[in-house]
Amino acid sequence: MAALLLISSPIDAEELPDAELLEFLADWETEDGQWIDPTTLEQAIQLHDAAAREVEHND
């Protein structure tokens, strides 16, 4: 086991993140650079779903 630890190379600190990760992170940022809290979006979806169920119920 110790030999494997010595043989393995450390992670390169200069390695850039891949494009998919950067795109994913960009989805959580507004055009003006403000971060979006994912829980805010979840709450908005729940409110939307509740409103849609109420409209269906009233029809």
Protein backbone atom coordinates (compact mmCIF):
# COMPACT_ATOMS: atom_id res chain seq x y z
CA MET A 1 0.00 0.00 0.00
CA ALA A 2 2.74 2.45 0.91
CA ALA A 3 4.40 1.83 -2.46
CA LEU A 4 1.20 2.82 -4.24
CA LEU A 5 1.08 6.08 -2.30
CA LEU A 6 4.65 6.86 -3.30
CA ILE A 7 4.10 5.96 -6.94
CA SER A 8 0.90 7.94 -7.43
CA SER A 9 1.43 11.49 -8.59
CA PRO A 10 -0.19 14.42 -6.79
CA ILE A 11 -2.99 16.29 -8.52
CA ASP A 12 -1.60 19.02 -10.71
CA ALA A 13 -2.59 22.36 -9.17
CA GLU A 14 -2.43 23.98 -12.61
CA GLU A 15 -5.01 21.61 -14.10
CA LEU A 16 -8.02 23.48 -15.45
CA PRO A 17 -11.59 22.31 -14.75
CA ASP A 18 -13.32 20.72 -17.71
CA ALA A 19 -15.80 22.69 -19.82
CA GLU A 20 -18.85 20.74 -18.61
CA LEU A 21 -18.15 21.70 -14.99
CA LEU A 22 -17.75 25.35 -15.94
CA GLU A 23 -21.02 25.29 -17.89
CA PHE A 24 -22.81 23.66 -14.95
CA LEU A 25 -21.50 26.31 -12.57
CA ALA A 26 -22.50 29.06 -15.00
CA ASP A 27 -26.10 27.85 -14.79
CA TRP A 28 -26.13 28.99 -11.15
CA GLU A 29 -25.03 32.54 -11.92
CA THR A 30 -27.06 35.45 -13.31
CA GLU A 31 -25.87 37.60 -16.19
CA ASP A 32 -24.63 40.23 -13.74
CA GLY A 33 -22.50 37.70 -11.84
CA GLN A 34 -24.78 37.07 -8.85
CA TRP A 35 -25.00 33.49 -7.58
CA ILE A 36 -28.41 31.78 -7.51
CA ASP A 37 -29.24 29.65 -4.49
CA PRO A 38 -30.61 26.30 -5.81
CA THR A 39 -33.06 26.13 -2.89
CA THR A 40 -34.66 29.33 -4.17
CA LEU A 41 -35.36 27.62 -7.47
CA GLU A 42 -36.78 24.57 -5.72
CA GLN A 43 -39.15 26.79 -3.72
CA ALA A 44 -40.25 28.58 -6.90
CA ILE A 45 -40.98 25.24 -8.59
CA GLN A 46 -43.02 24.07 -5.59
CA LEU A 47 -45.04 27.31 -5.59
CA HIS A 48 -45.63 27.00 -9.33
CA ASP A 49 -46.77 23.38 -8.99
CA ALA A 50 -49.11 24.27 -6.11
CA ALA A 51 -50.63 27.12 -8.13
CA ALA A 52 -51.10 24.83 -11.14
CA ARG A 53 -52.87 22.22 -8.98
CA GLU A 54 -55.14 24.93 -7.55
CA VAL A 55 -56.07 26.13 -11.05
CA GLU A 56 -56.86 22.54 -12.10
CA HIS A 57 -58.95 22.09 -8.96
CA ASN A 58 -60.95 25.28 -9.67
CA ASP A 59 -61.70 24.38 -13.31
